[in-house]
Amino acid sequence: MNAPKLELYKFDSCPFCQRVMQLIDSLGLKVEMKDIMSSPEDLQKLVGDTGRRTVPCLYIAGKPMFESSDIMNWLKENSDNLEKSS
């Protein structure tokens, strides 16, 4: 099974984003970080796809998931099948 590509849309001063990023680090997962405050293109994609500026938003194989608790639960449940950071 191929691991899905993971992209986290976030900004660093968001406490909910920080919780998700800490879990990503502790699980050793490979996740592409997209900072909507430093990249207008990333913000435009998020709003264009979802109609929302809400972060954190984890794209799982191109499909957005909101809510930090939902994201964290999904990452924990699927961590064995996800690509690890090197």
PDB file of N, CA and C in Angstrom:
ATOM      1  N   MET A   1       0.836  -1.191   0.000  1.00  0.00           N
ATOM      2  CA  MET A   1       0.000   0.000   0.000  1.00  0.00           C
ATOM      3  C   MET A   1       0.877   1.249   0.000  1.00  0.00           C
ATOM      4  N   ASN A   2       0.551   2.171  -0.888  1.00  0.00           N
ATOM      5  CA  ASN A   2       1.268   3.442  -0.912  1.00  0.00           C
ATOM      6  C   ASN A   2       0.716   4.355   0.171  1.00  0.00           C
ATOM      7  N   ALA A   3       1.612   4.990   0.901  1.00  0.00           N
ATOM      8  CA  ALA A   3       1.183   5.936   1.921  1.00  0.00           C
ATOM      9  C   ALA A   3       0.646   7.190   1.244  1.00  0.00           C
ATOM     10  N   PRO A   4      -0.450   7.758   1.765  1.00  0.00           N
ATOM     11  CA  PRO A   4      -0.988   8.981   1.166  1.00  0.00           C
ATOM     12  C   PRO A   4      -0.058  10.165   1.419  1.00  0.00           C
ATOM     13  N   LYS A   5      -0.049  11.103   0.483  1.00  0.00           N
ATOM     14  CA  LYS A   5       0.718  12.328   0.674  1.00  0.00           C
ATOM     15  C   LYS A   5      -0.002  13.180   1.717  1.00  0.00           C
ATOM     16  N   LEU A   6       0.763  13.685   2.687  1.00  0.00           N
ATOM     17  CA  LEU A   6       0.199  14.505   3.754  1.00  0.00           C
ATOM     18  C   LEU A   6       0.744  15.924   3.662  1.00  0.00           C
ATOM     19  N   GLU A   7      -0.167  16.902   3.725  1.00  0.00           N
ATOM     20  CA  GLU A   7       0.204  18.315   3.742  1.00  0.00           C
ATOM     21  C   GLU A   7      -0.581  18.979   4.868  1.00  0.00           C
ATOM     22  N   LEU A   8       0.130  19.695   5.734  1.00  0.00           N
ATOM     23  CA  LEU A   8      -0.522  20.391   6.839  1.00  0.00           C
ATOM     24  C   LEU A   8      -0.516  21.888   6.564  1.00  0.00           C
ATOM     25  N   TYR A   9      -1.697  22.455   6.421  1.00  0.00           N
ATOM     26  CA  TYR A   9      -1.851  23.904   6.293  1.00  0.00           C
ATOM     27  C   TYR A   9      -1.982  24.447   7.701  1.00  0.00           C
ATOM     28  N   LYS A  10      -1.110  25.419   8.036  1.00  0.00           N
ATOM     29  CA  LYS A  10      -0.997  25.867   9.422  1.00  0.00           C
ATOM     30  C   LYS A  10      -0.397  27.260   9.471  1.00  0.00           C
ATOM     31  N   PHE A  11      -0.371  27.841  10.667  1.00  0.00           N
ATOM     32  CA  PHE A  11       0.529  28.954  10.958  1.00  0.00           C
ATOM     33  C   PHE A  11       1.067  28.763  12.361  1.00  0.00           C
ATOM     34  N   ASP A  12       2.294  29.227  12.567  1.00  0.00           N
ATOM     35  CA  ASP A  12       3.056  28.840  13.753  1.00  0.00           C
ATOM     36  C   ASP A  12       2.475  29.319  15.075  1.00  0.00           C
ATOM     37  N   SER A  13       1.759  30.461  15.103  1.00  0.00           N
ATOM     38  CA  SER A  13       1.246  30.956  16.380  1.00  0.00           C
ATOM     39  C   SER A  13      -0.109  30.347  16.745  1.00  0.00           C
ATOM     40  N   CYS A  14      -0.622  29.437  15.934  1.00  0.00           N
ATOM     41  CA  CYS A  14      -1.893  28.768  16.217  1.00  0.00           C
ATOM     42  C   CYS A  14      -1.655  27.618  17.200  1.00  0.00           C
ATOM     43  N   PRO A  15      -2.271  27.669  18.398  1.00  0.00           N
ATOM     44  CA  PRO A  15      -2.028  26.615  19.383  1.00  0.00           C
ATOM     45  C   PRO A  15      -2.520  25.240  18.922  1.00  0.00           C
ATOM     46  N   PHE A  16      -3.586  25.200  18.150  1.00  0.00           N
ATOM     47  CA  PHE A  16      -4.092  23.921  17.647  1.00  0.00           C
ATOM     48  C   PHE A  16      -3.130  23.329  16.623  1.00  0.00           C
ATOM     49  N   CYS A  17      -2.528  24.204  15.811  1.00  0.00           N
ATOM     50  CA  CYS A  17      -1.509  23.755  14.852  1.00  0.00           C
ATOM     51  C   CYS A  17      -0.303  23.204  15.597  1.00  0.00           C
ATOM     52  N   GLN A  18       0.090  23.871  16.686  1.00  0.00           N
ATOM     53  CA  GLN A  18       1.240  23.425  17.466  1.00  0.00           C
ATOM     54  C   GLN A  18       1.012  22.017  18.014  1.00  0.00           C
ATOM     55  N   ARG A  19      -0.193  21.737  18.490  1.00  0.00           N
ATOM     56  CA  ARG A  19      -0.498  20.397  19.019  1.00  0.00           C
ATOM     57  C   ARG A  19      -0.354  19.347  17.928  1.00  0.00           C
ATOM     58  N   VAL A  20      -0.876  19.652  16.732  1.00  0.00           N
ATOM     59  CA  VAL A  20      -0.790  18.701  15.619  1.00  0.00           C
ATOM     60  C   VAL A  20       0.670  18.506  15.207  1.00  0.00           C
ATOM     61  N   MET A  21       1.436  19.602  15.127  1.00  0.00           N
ATOM     62  CA  MET A  21       2.839  19.506  14.714  1.00  0.00           C
ATOM     63  C   MET A  21       3.664  18.725  15.734  1.00  0.00           C
ATOM     64  N   GLN A  22       3.365  18.877  17.018  1.00  0.00           N
ATOM     65  CA  GLN A  22       4.073  18.107  18.041  1.00  0.00           C
ATOM     66  C   GLN A  22       3.798  16.617  17.886  1.00  0.00           C
ATOM     67  N   LEU A  23       2.560  16.267  17.572  1.00  0.00           N
ATOM     68  CA  LEU A  23       2.231  14.854  17.359  1.00  0.00           C
ATOM     69  C   LEU A  23       2.943  14.318  16.121  1.00  0.00           C
ATOM     70  N   ILE A  24       2.963  15.101  15.059  1.00  0.00           N
ATOM     71  CA  ILE A  24       3.657  14.690  13.828  1.00  0.00           C
ATOM     72  C   ILE A  24       5.120  14.399  14.146  1.00  0.00           C
ATOM     73  N   ASP A  25       5.743  15.285  14.920  1.00  0.00           N
ATOM     74  CA  ASP A  25       7.144  15.096  15.309  1.00  0.00           C
ATOM     75  C   ASP A  25       7.307  13.832  16.164  1.00  0.00           C
ATOM     76  N   SER A  26       6.428  13.648  17.148  1.00  0.00           N
ATOM     77  CA  SER A  26       6.588  12.501  18.050  1.00  0.00           C
ATOM     78  C   SER A  26       6.351  11.176  17.323  1.00  0.00           C
ATOM     79  N   LEU A  27       5.494  11.179  16.301  1.00  0.00           N
ATOM     80  CA  LEU A  27       5.256   9.967  15.523  1.00  0.00           C
ATOM     81  C   LEU A  27       6.290   9.788  14.404  1.00  0.00           C
ATOM     82  N   GLY A  28       7.104  10.836  14.171  1.00  0.00           N
ATOM     83  CA  GLY A  28       8.142  10.763  13.139  1.00  0.00           C
ATOM     84  C   GLY A  28       7.587  10.692  11.727  1.00  0.00           C
ATOM     85  N   LEU A  29       6.495  11.413  11.476  1.00  0.00           N
ATOM     86  CA  LEU A  29       5.829  11.332  10.177  1.00  0.00           C
ATOM     87  C   LEU A  29       6.362  12.369   9.192  1.00  0.00           C
ATOM     88  N   LYS A  30       6.334  11.991   7.920  1.00  0.00           N
ATOM     89  CA  LYS A  30       6.711  12.919   6.854  1.00  0.00           C
ATOM     90  C   LYS A  30       5.448  13.669   6.425  1.00  0.00           C
ATOM     91  N   VAL A  31       5.420  14.963   6.722  1.00  0.00           N
ATOM     92  CA  VAL A  31       4.284  15.813   6.380  1.00  0.00           C
ATOM     93  C   VAL A  31       4.840  17.106   5.802  1.00  0.00           C
ATOM     94  N   GLU A  32       4.346  17.482   4.637  1.00  0.00           N
ATOM     95  CA  GLU A  32       4.761  18.752   4.028  1.00  0.00           C
ATOM     96  C   GLU A  32       4.013  19.876   4.730  1.00  0.00           C
ATOM     97  N   MET A  33       4.761  20.864   5.233  1.00  0.00           N
ATOM     98  CA  MET A  33       4.166  21.981   5.963  1.00  0.00           C
ATOM     99  C   MET A  33       3.874  23.138   5.016  1.00  0.00           C
ATOM    100  N   LYS A  34       2.678  23.691   5.134  1.00  0.00           N
ATOM    101  CA  LYS A  34       2.228  24.813   4.310  1.00  0.00           C
ATOM    102  C   LYS A  34       1.798  25.929   5.251  1.00  0.00           C
ATOM    103  N   ASP A  35       2.615  26.982   5.346  1.00  0.00           N
ATOM    104  CA  ASP A  35       2.328  28.084   6.262  1.00  0.00           C
ATOM    105  C   ASP A  35       1.511  29.150   5.537  1.00  0.00           C
ATOM    106  N   ILE A  36       0.237  29.309   5.939  1.00  0.00           N
ATOM    107  CA  ILE A  36      -0.646  30.238   5.230  1.00  0.00           C
ATOM    108  C   ILE A  36      -0.319  31.700   5.526  1.00  0.00           C
ATOM    109  N   MET A  37       0.478  31.972   6.561  1.00  0.00           N
ATOM    110  CA  MET A  37       0.852  33.354   6.867  1.00  0.00           C
ATOM    111  C   MET A  37       2.060  33.808   6.047  1.00  0.00           C
ATOM    112  N   SER A  38       2.942  32.883   5.693  1.00  0.00           N
ATOM    113  CA  SER A  38       4.136  33.269   4.939  1.00  0.00           C
ATOM    114  C   SER A  38       4.009  32.966   3.446  1.00  0.00           C
ATOM    115  N   SER A  39       2.971  32.241   3.054  1.00  0.00           N
ATOM    116  CA  SER A  39       2.806  31.881   1.647  1.00  0.00           C
ATOM    117  C   SER A  39       1.402  32.220   1.165  1.00  0.00           C
ATOM    118  N   PRO A  40       1.257  33.338   0.440  1.00  0.00           N
ATOM    119  CA  PRO A  40      -0.063  33.684  -0.110  1.00  0.00           C
ATOM    120  C   PRO A  40      -0.622  32.590  -1.023  1.00  0.00           C
ATOM    121  N   GLU A  41       0.272  31.868  -1.703  1.00  0.00           N
ATOM    122  CA  GLU A  41      -0.181  30.792  -2.588  1.00  0.00           C
ATOM    123  C   GLU A  41      -0.843  29.670  -1.788  1.00  0.00           C
ATOM    124  N   ASP A  42      -0.254  29.326  -0.639  1.00  0.00           N
ATOM    125  CA  ASP A  42      -0.832  28.270   0.199  1.00  0.00           C
ATOM    126  C   ASP A  42      -2.191  28.706   0.760  1.00  0.00           C
ATOM    127  N   LEU A  43      -2.288  29.961   1.197  1.00  0.00           N
ATOM    128  CA  LEU A  43      -3.564  30.475   1.694  1.00  0.00           C
ATOM    129  C   LEU A  43      -4.609  30.451   0.578  1.00  0.00           C
ATOM    130  N   GLN A  44      -4.228  30.872  -0.617  1.00  0.00           N
ATOM    131  CA  GLN A  44      -5.146  30.903  -1.749  1.00  0.00           C
ATOM    132  C   GLN A  44      -5.651  29.491  -2.086  1.00  0.00           C
ATOM    133  N   LYS A  45      -4.758  28.502  -2.039  1.00  0.00           N
ATOM    134  CA  LYS A  45      -5.171  27.121  -2.321  1.00  0.00           C
ATOM    135  C   LYS A  45      -6.154  26.633  -1.274  1.00  0.00           C
ATOM    136  N   LEU A  46      -5.854  26.878   0.004  1.00  0.00           N
ATOM    137  CA  LEU A  46      -6.730  26.443   1.086  1.00  0.00           C
ATOM    138  C   LEU A  46      -8.127  27.058   0.942  1.00  0.00           C
ATOM    139  N   VAL A  47      -8.181  28.361   0.745  1.00  0.00           N
ATOM    140  CA  VAL A  47      -9.469  29.049   0.608  1.00  0.00           C
ATOM    141  C   VAL A  47     -10.180  28.611  -0.674  1.00  0.00           C
ATOM    142  N   GLY A  48      -9.415  28.453  -1.752  1.00  0.00           N
ATOM    143  CA  GLY A  48      -9.999  28.022  -3.022  1.00  0.00           C
ATOM    144  C   GLY A  48     -10.605  26.632  -2.941  1.00  0.00           C
ATOM    145  N   ASP A  49      -9.927  25.729  -2.237  1.00  0.00           N
ATOM    146  CA  ASP A  49     -10.401  24.341  -2.112  1.00  0.00           C
ATOM    147  C   ASP A  49     -11.571  24.209  -1.145  1.00  0.00           C
ATOM    148  N   THR A  50     -11.496  24.938  -0.031  1.00  0.00           N
ATOM    149  CA  THR A  50     -12.424  24.676   1.076  1.00  0.00           C
ATOM    150  C   THR A  50     -13.364  25.832   1.383  1.00  0.00           C
ATOM    151  N   GLY A  51     -13.048  27.032   0.889  1.00  0.00           N
ATOM    152  CA  GLY A  51     -13.843  28.201   1.238  1.00  0.00           C
ATOM    153  C   GLY A  51     -13.562  28.694   2.647  1.00  0.00           C
ATOM    154  N   ARG A  52     -12.523  28.149   3.287  1.00  0.00           N
ATOM    155  CA  ARG A  52     -12.199  28.493   4.673  1.00  0.00           C
ATOM    156  C   ARG A  52     -10.719  28.843   4.807  1.00  0.00           C
ATOM    157  N   ARG A  53     -10.433  29.671   5.832  1.00  0.00           N
ATOM    158  CA  ARG A  53      -9.045  29.997   6.194  1.00  0.00           C
ATOM    159  C   ARG A  53      -8.653  29.235   7.452  1.00  0.00           C
ATOM    160  N   THR A  54      -9.464  28.308   7.866  1.00  0.00           N
ATOM    161  CA  THR A  54      -9.295  27.598   9.139  1.00  0.00           C
ATOM    162  C   THR A  54      -8.087  26.670   9.094  1.00  0.00           C
ATOM    163  N   VAL A  55      -7.252  26.778  10.127  1.00  0.00           N
ATOM    164  CA  VAL A  55      -6.135  25.863  10.300  1.00  0.00           C
ATOM    165  C   VAL A  55      -6.216  25.301  11.719  1.00  0.00           C
ATOM    166  N   PRO A  56      -5.665  24.138  11.976  1.00  0.00           N
ATOM    167  CA  PRO A  56      -4.943  23.304  11.022  1.00  0.00           C
ATOM    168  C   PRO A  56      -5.894  22.607  10.047  1.00  0.00           C
ATOM    169  N   CYS A  57      -5.362  22.354   8.873  1.00  0.00           N
ATOM    170  CA  CYS A  57      -6.074  21.572   7.872  1.00  0.00           C
ATOM    171  C   CYS A  57      -5.072  20.588   7.289  1.00  0.00           C
ATOM    172  N   LEU A  58      -5.338  19.310   7.467  1.00  0.00           N
ATOM    173  CA  LEU A  58      -4.462  18.274   6.934  1.00  0.00           C
ATOM    174  C   LEU A  58      -5.059  17.745   5.637  1.00  0.00           C
ATOM    175  N   TYR A  59      -4.295  17.891   4.557  1.00  0.00           N
ATOM    176  CA  TYR A  59      -4.695  17.274   3.291  1.00  0.00           C
ATOM    177  C   TYR A  59      -4.145  15.854   3.288  1.00  0.00           C
ATOM    178  N   ILE A  60      -5.048  14.903   3.101  1.00  0.00           N
ATOM    179  CA  ILE A  60      -4.685  13.493   3.031  1.00  0.00           C
ATOM    180  C   ILE A  60      -4.969  13.049   1.609  1.00  0.00           C
ATOM    181  N   ALA A  61      -3.901  12.854   0.836  1.00  0.00           N
ATOM    182  CA  ALA A  61      -4.049  12.497  -0.582  1.00  0.00           C
ATOM    183  C   ALA A  61      -4.984  13.475  -1.286  1.00  0.00           C
ATOM    184  N   GLY A  62      -4.814  14.760  -0.984  1.00  0.00           N
ATOM    185  CA  GLY A  62      -5.572  15.802  -1.664  1.00  0.00           C
ATOM    186  C   GLY A  62      -6.929  16.131  -1.077  1.00  0.00           C
ATOM    187  N   LYS A  63      -7.335  15.422  -0.010  1.00  0.00           N
ATOM    188  CA  LYS A  63      -8.634  15.688   0.612  1.00  0.00           C
ATOM    189  C   LYS A  63      -8.424  16.365   1.960  1.00  0.00           C
ATOM    190  N   PRO A  64      -9.063  17.534   2.188  1.00  0.00           N
ATOM    191  CA  PRO A  64      -8.838  18.274   3.428  1.00  0.00           C
ATOM    192  C   PRO A  64      -9.583  17.700   4.628  1.00  0.00           C
ATOM    193  N   MET A  65      -8.913  17.745   5.785  1.00  0.00           N
ATOM    194  CA  MET A  65      -9.530  17.383   7.063  1.00  0.00           C
ATOM    195  C   MET A  65      -9.257  18.520   8.043  1.00  0.00           C
ATOM    196  N   PHE A  66     -10.310  19.036   8.666  1.00  0.00           N
ATOM    197  CA  PHE A  66     -10.182  20.096   9.657  1.00  0.00           C
ATOM    198  C   PHE A  66     -10.322  19.511  11.058  1.00  0.00           C
ATOM    199  N   GLU A  67     -10.160  20.370  12.060  1.00  0.00           N
ATOM    200  CA  GLU A  67     -10.278  20.044  13.482  1.00  0.00           C
ATOM    201  C   GLU A  67      -9.054  19.283  13.983  1.00  0.00           C
ATOM    202  N   SER A  68      -8.309  19.940  14.864  1.00  0.00           N
ATOM    203  CA  SER A  68      -7.059  19.354  15.358  1.00  0.00           C
ATOM    204  C   SER A  68      -7.278  17.997  16.013  1.00  0.00           C
ATOM    205  N   SER A  69      -8.370  17.823  16.767  1.00  0.00           N
ATOM    206  CA  SER A  69      -8.590  16.530  17.434  1.00  0.00           C
ATOM    207  C   SER A  69      -8.851  15.432  16.403  1.00  0.00           C
ATOM    208  N   ASP A  70      -9.612  15.738  15.341  1.00  0.00           N
ATOM    209  CA  ASP A  70      -9.858  14.751  14.283  1.00  0.00           C
ATOM    210  C   ASP A  70      -8.559  14.402  13.559  1.00  0.00           C
ATOM    211  N   ILE A  71      -7.755  15.425  13.277  1.00  0.00           N
ATOM    212  CA  ILE A  71      -6.470  15.211  12.593  1.00  0.00           C
ATOM    213  C   ILE A  71      -5.569  14.329  13.454  1.00  0.00           C
ATOM    214  N   MET A  72      -5.467  14.657  14.747  1.00  0.00           N
ATOM    215  CA  MET A  72      -4.591  13.902  15.634  1.00  0.00           C
ATOM    216  C   MET A  72      -5.053  12.452  15.770  1.00  0.00           C
ATOM    217  N   ASN A  73      -6.349  12.249  15.895  1.00  0.00           N
ATOM    218  CA  ASN A  73      -6.866  10.877  15.981  1.00  0.00           C
ATOM    219  C   ASN A  73      -6.554  10.103  14.708  1.00  0.00           C
ATOM    220  N   TRP A  74      -6.751  10.738  13.552  1.00  0.00           N
ATOM    221  CA  TRP A  74      -6.481  10.067  12.280  1.00  0.00           C
ATOM    222  C   TRP A  74      -4.998   9.707  12.174  1.00  0.00           C
ATOM    223  N   LEU A  75      -4.118  10.641  12.545  1.00  0.00           N
ATOM    224  CA  LEU A  75      -2.675  10.376  12.470  1.00  0.00           C
ATOM    225  C   LEU A  75      -2.282   9.210  13.376  1.00  0.00           C
ATOM    226  N   LYS A  76      -2.816   9.178  14.592  1.00  0.00           N
ATOM    227  CA  LYS A  76      -2.497   8.088  15.522  1.00  0.00           C
ATOM    228  C   LYS A  76      -2.987   6.751  14.979  1.00  0.00           C
ATOM    229  N   GLU A  77      -4.225   6.730  14.474  1.00  0.00           N
ATOM    230  CA  GLU A  77      -4.814   5.483  13.980  1.00  0.00           C
ATOM    231  C   GLU A  77      -4.106   4.947  12.736  1.00  0.00           C
ATOM    232  N   ASN A  78      -3.533   5.863  11.943  1.00  0.00           N
ATOM    233  CA  ASN A  78      -2.950   5.454  10.653  1.00  0.00           C
ATOM    234  C   ASN A  78      -1.433   5.531  10.613  1.00  0.00           C
ATOM    235  N   SER A  79      -0.789   5.865  11.730  1.00  0.00           N
ATOM    236  CA  SER A  79       0.654   6.132  11.713  1.00  0.00           C
ATOM    237  C   SER A  79       1.488   4.965  11.191  1.00  0.00           C
ATOM    238  N   ASP A  80       1.050   3.732  11.428  1.00  0.00           N
ATOM    239  CA  ASP A  80       1.809   2.577  10.948  1.00  0.00           C
ATOM    240  C   ASP A  80       1.875   2.500   9.429  1.00  0.00           C
ATOM    241  N   ASN A  81       0.895   3.099   8.769  1.00  0.00           N
ATOM    242  CA  ASN A  81       0.820   3.045   7.301  1.00  0.00           C
ATOM    243  C   ASN A  81       1.265   4.336   6.629  1.00  0.00           C
ATOM    244  N   LEU A  82       1.831   5.266   7.411  1.00  0.00           N
ATOM    245  CA  LEU A  82       2.230   6.559   6.854  1.00  0.00           C
ATOM    246  C   LEU A  82       3.742   6.634   6.695  1.00  0.00           C
ATOM    247  N   GLU A  83       4.165   7.457   5.747  1.00  0.00           N
ATOM    248  CA  GLU A  83       5.598   7.621   5.483  1.00  0.00           C
ATOM    249  C   GLU A  83       6.255   8.335   6.648  1.00  0.00           C
ATOM    250  N   LYS A  84       7.401   7.832   7.043  1.00  0.00           N
ATOM    251  CA  LYS A  84       8.153   8.410   8.154  1.00  0.00           C
ATOM    252  C   LYS A  84       9.163   9.427   7.620  1.00  0.00           C
ATOM    253  N   SER A  85       9.445  10.447   8.443  1.00  0.00           N
ATOM    254  CA  SER A  85      10.461  11.419   8.050  1.00  0.00           C
ATOM    255  C   SER A  85      11.836  10.775   8.158  1.00  0.00           C
ATOM    256  N   SER A  86      12.749  11.255   7.326  1.00  0.00           N
ATOM    257  CA  SER A  86      14.069  10.615   7.333  1.00  0.00           C
ATOM    258  C   SER A  86      15.059  11.391   8.171  1.00  0.00           C
TER     259      SER A  86
END
